[in-house]
Amino acid sequence: MPDGGSGRSRYGLMMHPRDEASSLGTVTVVIPVFGEGPHLERVVTALLAQTPRIERIIVSHSGPGDPTTRFSDVPEVTVLHSAERLYAGAARNRGLAIADTEWVAFIDEDVIADRSWHAGLLAAIGEGQADCIVGSVGYAETGGYWGMCVWFIEFGSVHPYLPPRDIIAGPSANIAIRRSALVNAGGFPEHWRRGQDAIAQMRLRENGAQIVFSPQIKSGHVNLHGLRRMISHLYDMGRSGCRVRRNFAMPGTSAANYPVLTIALLPARLLQMTRRAAAPGAPLAKFLACFPGILVGLIAWNVGFSAESFASRRTDISSYY
């Protein structure tokens, strides 16, 4: 499995005998965490409150602040820790490697599952229509003005008021994947700081997997405050988005390969977001109030995409794997 440098994963992903047998109908939840994990207890508490009960939660932690003792008396929680920094892809793969259920869900450390999350996920799995199911991401905390602007931009394709549909790829903050399909696709790339979720989903699609968005699998994101953080975050997202599109055919691939076309991305994304904000049940008033900040954030994203598009014409993109 590609990992970013050597082309091999540090984790031995393999099929377990239970993958297609007695594990049917159960889900393992993997939470990738770096550092102190200030929201971790809140995330785990929400998962433990689910009906039906979740039997296994894997906290895949790296860096300072080993949380092992924080969950030593919670039998449903397994903590994997390493002092070495792991990017989200490697942290997810480490949890995936020890999961033995047919389905594995991945929840970010700043995403709080709704009380109906597990029931909604099991219902979506039961429909048998997909190998990868992306849940909706609302907000648990606004993060103030700039936090809401990021929420509109980063999670705009999976807001809870949008209809269920087939999608090319979706954010991995709230996602569940059939374990066998993900293992066969090579798991997540391990040396990408951002964009590893899109790569994993494109590899799933190359293997014939279907990806759907299911708004009934509800969660809320803890939005963070700050203009500076927003600009830095979205600039990085723009660069990683361009890198992904240099390798896979998806909307925006032409701009990734022909930098002059990146000028068209900003109005295209604004139009797309405006259409979504006009959907039934959408928070149109909030969108309009945040519109100036959204424009600033999209400019930061577009600048990052453009910078990577020009740079990638002079560098070997495979070095990012």
C-alpha atoms as a PDB file:
ATOM      1  CA  MET A   1       0.000   0.000   0.000  1.00  0.00           C
ATOM      2  CA  PRO A   2       1.467   3.389  -0.943  1.00  0.00           C
ATOM      3  CA  ASP A   3       2.453   5.459   2.056  1.00  0.00           C
ATOM      4  CA  GLY A   4       4.104   8.541   0.656  1.00  0.00           C
ATOM      5  CA  GLY A   5       7.737   7.573   0.326  1.00  0.00           C
ATOM      6  CA  SER A   6       8.656   3.919   0.284  1.00  0.00           C
ATOM      7  CA  GLY A   7       5.435   2.739  -1.364  1.00  0.00           C
ATOM      8  CA  ARG A   8       4.714   0.441   1.573  1.00  0.00           C
ATOM      9  CA  SER A   9       2.605   0.825   4.666  1.00  0.00           C
ATOM     10  CA  ARG A  10       4.040   0.478   8.124  1.00  0.00           C
ATOM     11  CA  TYR A  11       0.834  -1.360   9.063  1.00  0.00           C
ATOM     12  CA  GLY A  12       0.023  -4.807   7.765  1.00  0.00           C
ATOM     13  CA  LEU A  13      -3.499  -4.493   6.394  1.00  0.00           C
ATOM     14  CA  MET A  14      -4.985  -7.902   5.803  1.00  0.00           C
ATOM     15  CA  MET A  15      -8.349  -9.575   5.627  1.00  0.00           C
ATOM     16  CA  HIS A  16      -9.681 -11.127   8.820  1.00  0.00           C
ATOM     17  CA  PRO A  17     -11.755 -14.324   8.761  1.00  0.00           C
ATOM     18  CA  ARG A  18     -14.651 -12.434  10.395  1.00  0.00           C
ATOM     19  CA  ASP A  19     -14.805  -9.772   7.679  1.00  0.00           C
ATOM     20  CA  GLU A  20     -17.599 -11.444   5.723  1.00  0.00           C
ATOM     21  CA  ALA A  21     -19.058 -13.616   8.463  1.00  0.00           C
ATOM     22  CA  SER A  22     -19.961 -13.096  12.115  1.00  0.00           C
ATOM     23  CA  SER A  23     -19.064  -9.389  12.081  1.00  0.00           C
ATOM     24  CA  LEU A  24     -21.973  -8.520   9.788  1.00  0.00           C
ATOM     25  CA  GLY A  25     -24.081  -5.714  11.192  1.00  0.00           C
ATOM     26  CA  THR A  26     -21.420  -4.422  13.591  1.00  0.00           C
ATOM     27  CA  VAL A  27     -19.191  -1.381  13.229  1.00  0.00           C
ATOM     28  CA  THR A  28     -15.796  -0.481  14.645  1.00  0.00           C
ATOM     29  CA  VAL A  29     -15.145   3.249  15.080  1.00  0.00           C
ATOM     30  CA  VAL A  30     -11.628   4.631  14.587  1.00  0.00           C
ATOM     31  CA  ILE A  31     -10.738   8.119  15.877  1.00  0.00           C
ATOM     32  CA  PRO A  32      -7.412   9.542  14.586  1.00  0.00           C
ATOM     33  CA  VAL A  33      -5.918  11.992  17.096  1.00  0.00           C
ATOM     34  CA  PHE A  34      -2.737  14.054  17.240  1.00  0.00           C
ATOM     35  CA  GLY A  35      -1.658  15.868  20.386  1.00  0.00           C
ATOM     36  CA  GLU A  36      -3.774  16.638  23.411  1.00  0.00           C
ATOM     37  CA  GLY A  37      -7.115  15.869  21.789  1.00  0.00           C
ATOM     38  CA  PRO A  38      -9.163  18.493  23.652  1.00  0.00           C
ATOM     39  CA  HIS A  39     -12.480  17.173  22.311  1.00  0.00           C
ATOM     40  CA  LEU A  40     -11.703  13.471  22.640  1.00  0.00           C
ATOM     41  CA  GLU A  41     -13.798  12.761  25.754  1.00  0.00           C
ATOM     42  CA  ARG A  42     -16.745  14.522  24.194  1.00  0.00           C
ATOM     43  CA  VAL A  43     -16.397  12.508  20.971  1.00  0.00           C
ATOM     44  CA  VAL A  44     -16.111   9.185  22.829  1.00  0.00           C
ATOM     45  CA  THR A  45     -18.985  10.012  25.185  1.00  0.00           C
ATOM     46  CA  ALA A  46     -21.263  10.689  22.221  1.00  0.00           C
ATOM     47  CA  LEU A  47     -20.304   7.362  20.646  1.00  0.00           C
ATOM     48  CA  LEU A  48     -20.859   5.439  23.887  1.00  0.00           C
ATOM     49  CA  ALA A  49     -24.353   6.930  24.154  1.00  0.00           C
ATOM     50  CA  GLN A  50     -25.451   5.410  20.850  1.00  0.00           C
ATOM     51  CA  THR A  51     -28.353   3.022  20.417  1.00  0.00           C
ATOM     52  CA  PRO A  52     -27.632   0.299  19.376  1.00  0.00           C
ATOM     53  CA  ARG A  53     -24.473   0.215  21.477  1.00  0.00           C
ATOM     54  CA  ILE A  54     -21.081   0.518  19.790  1.00  0.00           C
ATOM     55  CA  GLU A  55     -18.900  -2.326  20.999  1.00  0.00           C
ATOM     56  CA  ARG A  56     -15.463  -1.124  19.939  1.00  0.00           C
ATOM     57  CA  ILE A  57     -13.879   2.315  19.601  1.00  0.00           C
ATOM     58  CA  ILE A  58     -10.216   2.591  18.596  1.00  0.00           C
ATOM     59  CA  VAL A  59      -8.413   5.821  19.475  1.00  0.00           C
ATOM     60  CA  SER A  60      -5.350   6.011  17.218  1.00  0.00           C
ATOM     61  CA  HIS A  61      -3.206   8.655  18.883  1.00  0.00           C
ATOM     62  CA  SER A  62       0.216  10.100  18.158  1.00  0.00           C
ATOM     63  CA  GLY A  63       2.385  12.868  19.560  1.00  0.00           C
ATOM     64  CA  PRO A  64       2.252  14.382  23.058  1.00  0.00           C
ATOM     65  CA  GLY A  65      -0.579  13.744  25.500  1.00  0.00           C
ATOM     66  CA  ASP A  66      -0.953   9.944  25.453  1.00  0.00           C
ATOM     67  CA  PRO A  67      -4.672   9.434  26.310  1.00  0.00           C
ATOM     68  CA  THR A  68      -4.348   5.801  27.429  1.00  0.00           C
ATOM     69  CA  THR A  69      -5.046   6.529  31.095  1.00  0.00           C
ATOM     70  CA  ARG A  70      -8.028   8.719  30.208  1.00  0.00           C
ATOM     71  CA  PHE A  71      -9.888   5.634  28.950  1.00  0.00           C
ATOM     72  CA  SER A  72      -8.332   2.866  31.045  1.00  0.00           C
ATOM     73  CA  ASP A  73     -11.677   2.114  32.701  1.00  0.00           C
ATOM     74  CA  VAL A  74     -13.720   2.133  29.467  1.00  0.00           C
ATOM     75  CA  PRO A  75     -13.738  -1.422  28.066  1.00  0.00           C
ATOM     76  CA  GLU A  76     -15.168  -0.370  24.704  1.00  0.00           C
ATOM     77  CA  VAL A  77     -12.165   1.880  24.013  1.00  0.00           C
ATOM     78  CA  THR A  78      -8.779   0.677  22.744  1.00  0.00           C
ATOM     79  CA  VAL A  79      -6.005   3.289  22.665  1.00  0.00           C
ATOM     80  CA  LEU A  80      -3.101   2.967  20.237  1.00  0.00           C
ATOM     81  CA  HIS A  81      -0.321   5.463  20.938  1.00  0.00           C
ATOM     82  CA  SER A  82       2.986   6.449  19.377  1.00  0.00           C
ATOM     83  CA  ALA A  83       5.218   9.359  20.268  1.00  0.00           C
ATOM     84  CA  GLU A  84       6.021   9.817  16.581  1.00  0.00           C
ATOM     85  CA  ARG A  85       3.658  12.109  14.661  1.00  0.00           C
ATOM     86  CA  LEU A  86       1.261  10.239  12.400  1.00  0.00           C
ATOM     87  CA  TYR A  87      -0.757  11.978   9.737  1.00  0.00           C
ATOM     88  CA  ALA A  88      -4.439  11.104   9.636  1.00  0.00           C
ATOM     89  CA  GLY A  89      -4.018   8.453   6.936  1.00  0.00           C
ATOM     90  CA  ALA A  90      -1.444   6.501   8.937  1.00  0.00           C
ATOM     91  CA  ALA A  91      -3.487   6.865  12.127  1.00  0.00           C
ATOM     92  CA  ARG A  92      -6.578   5.543  10.376  1.00  0.00           C
ATOM     93  CA  ASN A  93      -4.663   2.633   8.845  1.00  0.00           C
ATOM     94  CA  ARG A  94      -3.330   1.643  12.260  1.00  0.00           C
ATOM     95  CA  GLY A  95      -6.872   1.390  13.591  1.00  0.00           C
ATOM     96  CA  LEU A  96      -8.066  -0.333  10.428  1.00  0.00           C
ATOM     97  CA  ALA A  97      -5.340  -2.967  10.809  1.00  0.00           C
ATOM     98  CA  ILE A  98      -6.783  -4.279  14.083  1.00  0.00           C
ATOM     99  CA  ALA A  99     -10.470  -3.836  13.284  1.00  0.00           C
ATOM    100  CA  ASP A 100     -12.223  -7.114  12.528  1.00  0.00           C
ATOM    101  CA  THR A 101     -15.720  -5.962  11.643  1.00  0.00           C
ATOM    102  CA  GLU A 102     -17.131  -5.787   8.154  1.00  0.00           C
ATOM    103  CA  TRP A 103     -17.582  -2.009   8.404  1.00  0.00           C
ATOM    104  CA  VAL A 104     -15.183   0.531   9.902  1.00  0.00           C
ATOM    105  CA  ALA A 105     -16.275   4.091  10.629  1.00  0.00           C
ATOM    106  CA  PHE A 106     -13.854   6.995  10.931  1.00  0.00           C
ATOM    107  CA  ILE A 107     -14.756   9.992  13.092  1.00  0.00           C
ATOM    108  CA  ASP A 108     -12.432  12.967  13.580  1.00  0.00           C
ATOM    109  CA  GLU A 109     -11.460  14.153  17.048  1.00  0.00           C
ATOM    110  CA  ASP A 110     -13.434  17.373  16.562  1.00  0.00           C
ATOM    111  CA  VAL A 111     -16.633  15.760  15.265  1.00  0.00           C
ATOM    112  CA  ILE A 112     -19.479  14.904  17.655  1.00  0.00           C
ATOM    113  CA  ALA A 113     -21.854  12.121  16.601  1.00  0.00           C
ATOM    114  CA  ASP A 114     -25.562  12.832  16.891  1.00  0.00           C
ATOM    115  CA  ARG A 115     -27.517  10.497  19.194  1.00  0.00           C
ATOM    116  CA  SER A 116     -29.034   8.828  16.122  1.00  0.00           C
ATOM    117  CA  TRP A 117     -25.674   8.438  14.359  1.00  0.00           C
ATOM    118  CA  HIS A 118     -25.212   4.685  14.839  1.00  0.00           C
ATOM    119  CA  ALA A 119     -28.820   3.839  14.036  1.00  0.00           C
ATOM    120  CA  GLY A 120     -28.594   5.961  10.892  1.00  0.00           C
ATOM    121  CA  LEU A 121     -25.361   4.290   9.861  1.00  0.00           C
ATOM    122  CA  LEU A 122     -26.749   0.772  10.338  1.00  0.00           C
ATOM    123  CA  ALA A 123     -29.829   1.732   8.313  1.00  0.00           C
ATOM    124  CA  ALA A 124     -27.643   3.040   5.478  1.00  0.00           C
ATOM    125  CA  ILE A 125     -25.489  -0.099   5.551  1.00  0.00           C
ATOM    126  CA  GLY A 126     -28.621  -2.223   5.498  1.00  0.00           C
ATOM    127  CA  GLU A 127     -29.702  -0.660   2.213  1.00  0.00           C
ATOM    128  CA  GLY A 128     -26.724  -2.427   0.609  1.00  0.00           C
ATOM    129  CA  GLN A 129     -26.180   0.317  -1.952  1.00  0.00           C
ATOM    130  CA  ALA A 130     -22.578   1.311  -1.266  1.00  0.00           C
ATOM    131  CA  ASP A 131     -19.129   0.326  -0.044  1.00  0.00           C
ATOM    132  CA  CYS A 132     -18.385   3.803   1.318  1.00  0.00           C
ATOM    133  CA  ILE A 133     -20.938   5.968   3.116  1.00  0.00           C
ATOM    134  CA  VAL A 134     -20.243   9.618   3.906  1.00  0.00           C
ATOM    135  CA  GLY A 135     -22.329  11.066   6.730  1.00  0.00           C
ATOM    136  CA  SER A 136     -23.449  14.655   7.170  1.00  0.00           C
ATOM    137  CA  VAL A 137     -21.445  17.249   9.091  1.00  0.00           C
ATOM    138  CA  GLY A 138     -23.312  20.036  10.817  1.00  0.00           C
ATOM    139  CA  TYR A 139     -21.727  22.099  13.552  1.00  0.00           C
ATOM    140  CA  ALA A 140     -21.540  21.446  17.281  1.00  0.00           C
ATOM    141  CA  GLU A 141     -19.888  24.826  17.951  1.00  0.00           C
ATOM    142  CA  THR A 142     -19.935  27.747  15.537  1.00  0.00           C
ATOM    143  CA  GLY A 143     -16.355  28.912  16.042  1.00  0.00           C
ATOM    144  CA  GLY A 144     -17.626  32.437  15.605  1.00  0.00           C
ATOM    145  CA  TYR A 145     -17.804  34.202  12.271  1.00  0.00           C
ATOM    146  CA  TRP A 146     -14.661  32.718  10.747  1.00  0.00           C
ATOM    147  CA  GLY A 147     -15.427  29.245  12.043  1.00  0.00           C
ATOM    148  CA  MET A 148     -18.770  29.308  10.253  1.00  0.00           C
ATOM    149  CA  CYS A 149     -17.109  30.510   7.055  1.00  0.00           C
ATOM    150  CA  VAL A 150     -14.775  27.498   7.104  1.00  0.00           C
ATOM    151  CA  TRP A 151     -17.726  25.192   7.812  1.00  0.00           C
ATOM    152  CA  PHE A 152     -19.582  26.441   4.751  1.00  0.00           C
ATOM    153  CA  ILE A 153     -16.505  25.946   2.553  1.00  0.00           C
ATOM    154  CA  GLU A 154     -14.998  22.720   3.900  1.00  0.00           C
ATOM    155  CA  PHE A 155     -18.169  20.741   4.596  1.00  0.00           C
ATOM    156  CA  GLY A 156     -20.554  22.373   2.132  1.00  0.00           C
ATOM    157  CA  SER A 157     -20.991  19.157   0.142  1.00  0.00           C
ATOM    158  CA  VAL A 158     -22.167  17.178   3.192  1.00  0.00           C
ATOM    159  CA  HIS A 159     -24.371  19.581   5.121  1.00  0.00           C
ATOM    160  CA  PRO A 160     -27.292  17.784   6.809  1.00  0.00           C
ATOM    161  CA  TYR A 161     -30.013  19.510   4.748  1.00  0.00           C
ATOM    162  CA  LEU A 162     -28.675  18.145   1.437  1.00  0.00           C
ATOM    163  CA  PRO A 163     -30.348  15.089  -0.159  1.00  0.00           C
ATOM    164  CA  PRO A 164     -28.832  11.603  -0.242  1.00  0.00           C
ATOM    165  CA  ARG A 165     -26.972  10.943  -3.484  1.00  0.00           C
ATOM    166  CA  ASP A 166     -24.048   9.224  -5.156  1.00  0.00           C
ATOM    167  CA  ILE A 167     -20.871  11.279  -4.836  1.00  0.00           C
ATOM    168  CA  ILE A 168     -17.304  11.128  -6.175  1.00  0.00           C
ATOM    169  CA  ALA A 169     -15.728  11.679  -2.763  1.00  0.00           C
ATOM    170  CA  GLY A 170     -16.534  13.334   0.551  1.00  0.00           C
ATOM    171  CA  PRO A 171     -14.698  14.528   3.667  1.00  0.00           C
ATOM    172  CA  SER A 172     -13.526  11.763   5.987  1.00  0.00           C
ATOM    173  CA  ALA A 173     -14.566  13.547   9.204  1.00  0.00           C
ATOM    174  CA  ASN A 174     -17.663  11.313   9.323  1.00  0.00           C
ATOM    175  CA  ILE A 175     -17.329   8.308   7.041  1.00  0.00           C
ATOM    176  CA  ALA A 176     -17.801   4.533   7.075  1.00  0.00           C
ATOM    177  CA  ILE A 177     -16.203   2.083   4.654  1.00  0.00           C
ATOM    178  CA  ARG A 178     -16.539  -1.636   4.061  1.00  0.00           C
ATOM    179  CA  ARG A 179     -13.296  -3.011   5.449  1.00  0.00           C
ATOM    180  CA  SER A 180     -12.601  -5.453   2.632  1.00  0.00           C
ATOM    181  CA  ALA A 181     -13.049  -2.725   0.013  1.00  0.00           C
ATOM    182  CA  LEU A 182     -10.719  -0.326   1.830  1.00  0.00           C
ATOM    183  CA  VAL A 183      -8.033  -2.975   2.372  1.00  0.00           C
ATOM    184  CA  ASN A 184      -8.186  -3.986  -1.292  1.00  0.00           C
ATOM    185  CA  ALA A 185      -7.821  -0.315  -2.249  1.00  0.00           C
ATOM    186  CA  GLY A 186      -4.680  -0.033  -0.113  1.00  0.00           C
ATOM    187  CA  GLY A 187      -6.129   1.948   2.779  1.00  0.00           C
ATOM    188  CA  PHE A 188      -5.294   5.616   3.233  1.00  0.00           C
ATOM    189  CA  PRO A 189      -2.044   7.173   1.956  1.00  0.00           C
ATOM    190  CA  GLU A 190       0.066   7.786   5.033  1.00  0.00           C
ATOM    191  CA  HIS A 191       2.333  10.715   4.180  1.00  0.00           C
ATOM    192  CA  TRP A 192      -0.241  13.205   2.938  1.00  0.00           C
ATOM    193  CA  ARG A 193      -1.026  15.834   5.547  1.00  0.00           C
ATOM    194  CA  ARG A 194      -4.260  16.671   3.747  1.00  0.00           C
ATOM    195  CA  GLY A 195      -6.164  15.101   0.868  1.00  0.00           C
ATOM    196  CA  GLN A 196      -5.535  11.500   1.899  1.00  0.00           C
ATOM    197  CA  ASP A 197      -9.277  10.890   2.263  1.00  0.00           C
ATOM    198  CA  ALA A 198      -9.954  11.901  -1.349  1.00  0.00           C
ATOM    199  CA  ILE A 199      -7.157   9.638  -2.594  1.00  0.00           C
ATOM    200  CA  ALA A 200      -8.508   6.653  -0.671  1.00  0.00           C
ATOM    201  CA  GLN A 201     -11.976   7.232  -2.118  1.00  0.00           C
ATOM    202  CA  MET A 202     -10.688   7.605  -5.664  1.00  0.00           C
ATOM    203  CA  ARG A 203      -8.859   4.293  -5.274  1.00  0.00           C
ATOM    204  CA  LEU A 204     -12.087   2.753  -4.011  1.00  0.00           C
ATOM    205  CA  ARG A 205     -13.860   4.015  -7.121  1.00  0.00           C
ATOM    206  CA  GLU A 206     -11.123   2.613  -9.353  1.00  0.00           C
ATOM    207  CA  ASN A 207     -11.864  -0.775  -7.765  1.00  0.00           C
ATOM    208  CA  GLY A 208     -15.555  -0.446  -8.574  1.00  0.00           C
ATOM    209  CA  ALA A 209     -16.800   0.700  -5.162  1.00  0.00           C
ATOM    210  CA  GLN A 210     -19.805   2.990  -4.892  1.00  0.00           C
ATOM    211  CA  ILE A 211     -19.697   6.050  -2.626  1.00  0.00           C
ATOM    212  CA  VAL A 212     -22.868   7.674  -1.327  1.00  0.00           C
ATOM    213  CA  PHE A 213     -23.788  10.594   0.894  1.00  0.00           C
ATOM    214  CA  SER A 214     -26.300   9.764   3.630  1.00  0.00           C
ATOM    215  CA  PRO A 215     -27.518  12.826   5.588  1.00  0.00           C
ATOM    216  CA  GLN A 216     -29.186  10.639   8.238  1.00  0.00           C
ATOM    217  CA  ILE A 217     -25.740   9.785   9.665  1.00  0.00           C
ATOM    218  CA  LYS A 218     -25.545  13.086  11.520  1.00  0.00           C
ATOM    219  CA  SER A 219     -22.622  14.717  13.297  1.00  0.00           C
ATOM    220  CA  GLY A 220     -21.519  18.177  14.383  1.00  0.00           C
ATOM    221  CA  HIS A 221     -18.119  19.744  13.808  1.00  0.00           C
ATOM    222  CA  VAL A 222     -16.389  21.825  16.476  1.00  0.00           C
ATOM    223  CA  ASN A 223     -15.503  24.876  14.387  1.00  0.00           C
ATOM    224  CA  LEU A 224     -12.415  26.833  15.399  1.00  0.00           C
ATOM    225  CA  HIS A 225     -12.072  30.587  15.684  1.00  0.00           C
ATOM    226  CA  GLY A 226      -9.770  32.939  13.824  1.00  0.00           C
ATOM    227  CA  LEU A 227      -9.187  34.598  10.460  1.00  0.00           C
ATOM    228  CA  ARG A 228      -5.506  33.644  10.326  1.00  0.00           C
ATOM    229  CA  ARG A 229      -6.271  30.004  11.004  1.00  0.00           C
ATOM    230  CA  MET A 230      -8.986  30.006   8.330  1.00  0.00           C
ATOM    231  CA  ILE A 231      -6.685  31.425   5.659  1.00  0.00           C
ATOM    232  CA  SER A 232      -3.848  29.007   6.473  1.00  0.00           C
ATOM    233  CA  HIS A 233      -6.191  26.016   6.634  1.00  0.00           C
ATOM    234  CA  LEU A 234      -7.943  26.736   3.346  1.00  0.00           C
ATOM    235  CA  TYR A 235      -4.710  27.617   1.551  1.00  0.00           C
ATOM    236  CA  ASP A 236      -3.359  24.177   2.519  1.00  0.00           C
ATOM    237  CA  MET A 237      -6.622  22.570   1.417  1.00  0.00           C
ATOM    238  CA  GLY A 238      -6.296  24.260  -1.974  1.00  0.00           C
ATOM    239  CA  ARG A 239      -2.773  22.921  -2.455  1.00  0.00           C
ATOM    240  CA  SER A 240      -3.681  19.383  -1.445  1.00  0.00           C
ATOM    241  CA  GLY A 241      -6.823  19.503  -3.595  1.00  0.00           C
ATOM    242  CA  CYS A 242      -4.691  20.321  -6.611  1.00  0.00           C
ATOM    243  CA  ARG A 243      -2.280  17.470  -5.822  1.00  0.00           C
ATOM    244  CA  VAL A 244      -5.132  14.983  -5.723  1.00  0.00           C
ATOM    245  CA  ARG A 245      -6.495  16.213  -9.044  1.00  0.00           C
ATOM    246  CA  ARG A 246      -3.087  15.825 -10.671  1.00  0.00           C
ATOM    247  CA  ASN A 247      -3.458  12.086 -10.067  1.00  0.00           C
ATOM    248  CA  PHE A 248      -7.173  11.411 -10.447  1.00  0.00           C
ATOM    249  CA  ALA A 249      -9.870  12.547 -12.871  1.00  0.00           C
ATOM    250  CA  MET A 250     -12.407  14.586 -10.902  1.00  0.00           C
ATOM    251  CA  PRO A 251     -13.878  18.106 -11.054  1.00  0.00           C
ATOM    252  CA  GLY A 252     -10.986  20.580 -11.208  1.00  0.00           C
ATOM    253  CA  THR A 253      -8.494  18.212 -12.858  1.00  0.00           C
ATOM    254  CA  SER A 254      -8.146  20.462 -15.906  1.00  0.00           C
ATOM    255  CA  ALA A 255      -7.211  23.416 -13.695  1.00  0.00           C
ATOM    256  CA  ALA A 256      -4.666  21.281 -11.841  1.00  0.00           C
ATOM    257  CA  ASN A 257      -2.961  20.434 -15.132  1.00  0.00           C
ATOM    258  CA  TYR A 258      -3.387  23.806 -16.842  1.00  0.00           C
ATOM    259  CA  PRO A 259      -2.735  26.581 -14.295  1.00  0.00           C
ATOM    260  CA  VAL A 260      -4.328  29.326 -16.389  1.00  0.00           C
ATOM    261  CA  LEU A 261      -7.692  27.651 -15.794  1.00  0.00           C
ATOM    262  CA  THR A 262      -7.484  28.089 -12.023  1.00  0.00           C
ATOM    263  CA  ILE A 263      -8.950  31.568 -12.417  1.00  0.00           C
ATOM    264  CA  ALA A 264     -12.312  29.919 -13.137  1.00  0.00           C
ATOM    265  CA  LEU A 265     -12.398  27.924  -9.907  1.00  0.00           C
ATOM    266  CA  LEU A 266     -13.397  30.786  -7.607  1.00  0.00           C
ATOM    267  CA  PRO A 267     -16.623  31.788  -9.427  1.00  0.00           C
ATOM    268  CA  ALA A 268     -17.474  28.123  -9.978  1.00  0.00           C
ATOM    269  CA  ARG A 269     -17.237  27.317  -6.276  1.00  0.00           C
ATOM    270  CA  LEU A 270     -19.136  30.451  -5.300  1.00  0.00           C
ATOM    271  CA  LEU A 271     -21.952  29.484  -7.652  1.00  0.00           C
ATOM    272  CA  GLN A 272     -21.996  25.932  -6.319  1.00  0.00           C
ATOM    273  CA  MET A 273     -22.134  27.084  -2.696  1.00  0.00           C
ATOM    274  CA  THR A 274     -24.879  29.629  -3.448  1.00  0.00           C
ATOM    275  CA  ARG A 275     -27.023  26.938  -5.048  1.00  0.00           C
ATOM    276  CA  ARG A 276     -26.595  24.704  -2.018  1.00  0.00           C
ATOM    277  CA  ALA A 277     -27.465  27.582   0.313  1.00  0.00           C
ATOM    278  CA  ALA A 278     -30.743  28.006  -1.566  1.00  0.00           C
ATOM    279  CA  ALA A 279     -31.746  24.365  -0.976  1.00  0.00           C
ATOM    280  CA  PRO A 280     -34.794  23.646   1.231  1.00  0.00           C
ATOM    281  CA  GLY A 281     -33.792  23.720   4.894  1.00  0.00           C
ATOM    282  CA  ALA A 282     -30.459  25.409   4.226  1.00  0.00           C
ATOM    283  CA  PRO A 283     -29.335  28.210   6.595  1.00  0.00           C
ATOM    284  CA  LEU A 284     -29.575  30.864   3.895  1.00  0.00           C
ATOM    285  CA  ALA A 285     -29.483  33.794   6.331  1.00  0.00           C
ATOM    286  CA  LYS A 286     -26.275  32.491   7.910  1.00  0.00           C
ATOM    287  CA  PHE A 287     -24.770  31.963   4.463  1.00  0.00           C
ATOM    288  CA  LEU A 288     -25.535  35.506   3.389  1.00  0.00           C
ATOM    289  CA  ALA A 289     -24.131  36.916   6.639  1.00  0.00           C
ATOM    290  CA  CYS A 290     -20.943  34.898   6.151  1.00  0.00           C
ATOM    291  CA  PHE A 291     -20.664  35.619   2.418  1.00  0.00           C
ATOM    292  CA  PRO A 292     -17.837  38.211   2.696  1.00  0.00           C
ATOM    293  CA  GLY A 293     -15.806  35.842   4.882  1.00  0.00           C
ATOM    294  CA  ILE A 294     -16.590  32.910   2.595  1.00  0.00           C
ATOM    295  CA  LEU A 295     -15.236  34.937  -0.303  1.00  0.00           C
ATOM    296  CA  VAL A 296     -12.005  35.582   1.632  1.00  0.00           C
ATOM    297  CA  GLY A 297     -11.713  31.875   2.440  1.00  0.00           C
ATOM    298  CA  LEU A 298     -12.325  30.796  -1.146  1.00  0.00           C
ATOM    299  CA  ILE A 299      -9.667  33.232  -2.346  1.00  0.00           C
ATOM    300  CA  ALA A 300      -7.197  31.616   0.072  1.00  0.00           C
ATOM    301  CA  TRP A 301      -8.207  28.172  -1.220  1.00  0.00           C
ATOM    302  CA  ASN A 302      -7.904  29.330  -4.835  1.00  0.00           C
ATOM    303  CA  VAL A 303      -4.462  30.864  -4.248  1.00  0.00           C
ATOM    304  CA  GLY A 304      -3.270  27.594  -2.716  1.00  0.00           C
ATOM    305  CA  PHE A 305      -4.679  25.584  -5.622  1.00  0.00           C
ATOM    306  CA  SER A 306      -3.102  27.938  -8.162  1.00  0.00           C
ATOM    307  CA  ALA A 307       0.290  27.900  -6.397  1.00  0.00           C
ATOM    308  CA  GLU A 308       0.325  24.109  -6.446  1.00  0.00           C
ATOM    309  CA  SER A 309      -0.869  23.972 -10.047  1.00  0.00           C
ATOM    310  CA  PHE A 310       2.056  26.118 -11.202  1.00  0.00           C
ATOM    311  CA  ALA A 311       4.557  24.352  -8.932  1.00  0.00           C
ATOM    312  CA  SER A 312       3.450  20.845  -9.847  1.00  0.00           C
ATOM    313  CA  ARG A 313       4.397  21.448 -13.456  1.00  0.00           C
ATOM    314  CA  ARG A 314       7.999  21.540 -12.252  1.00  0.00           C
ATOM    315  CA  THR A 315       7.962  18.767  -9.647  1.00  0.00           C
ATOM    316  CA  ASP A 316       7.299  15.043  -9.514  1.00  0.00           C
ATOM    317  CA  ILE A 317       3.863  14.712  -7.961  1.00  0.00           C
ATOM    318  CA  SER A 318       4.544  11.074  -7.034  1.00  0.00           C
ATOM    319  CA  SER A 319       6.803  12.367  -4.273  1.00  0.00           C
ATOM    320  CA  TYR A 320       3.666  13.218  -2.332  1.00  0.00           C
ATOM    321  CA  TYR A 321       2.625   9.562  -2.038  1.00  0.00           C
END
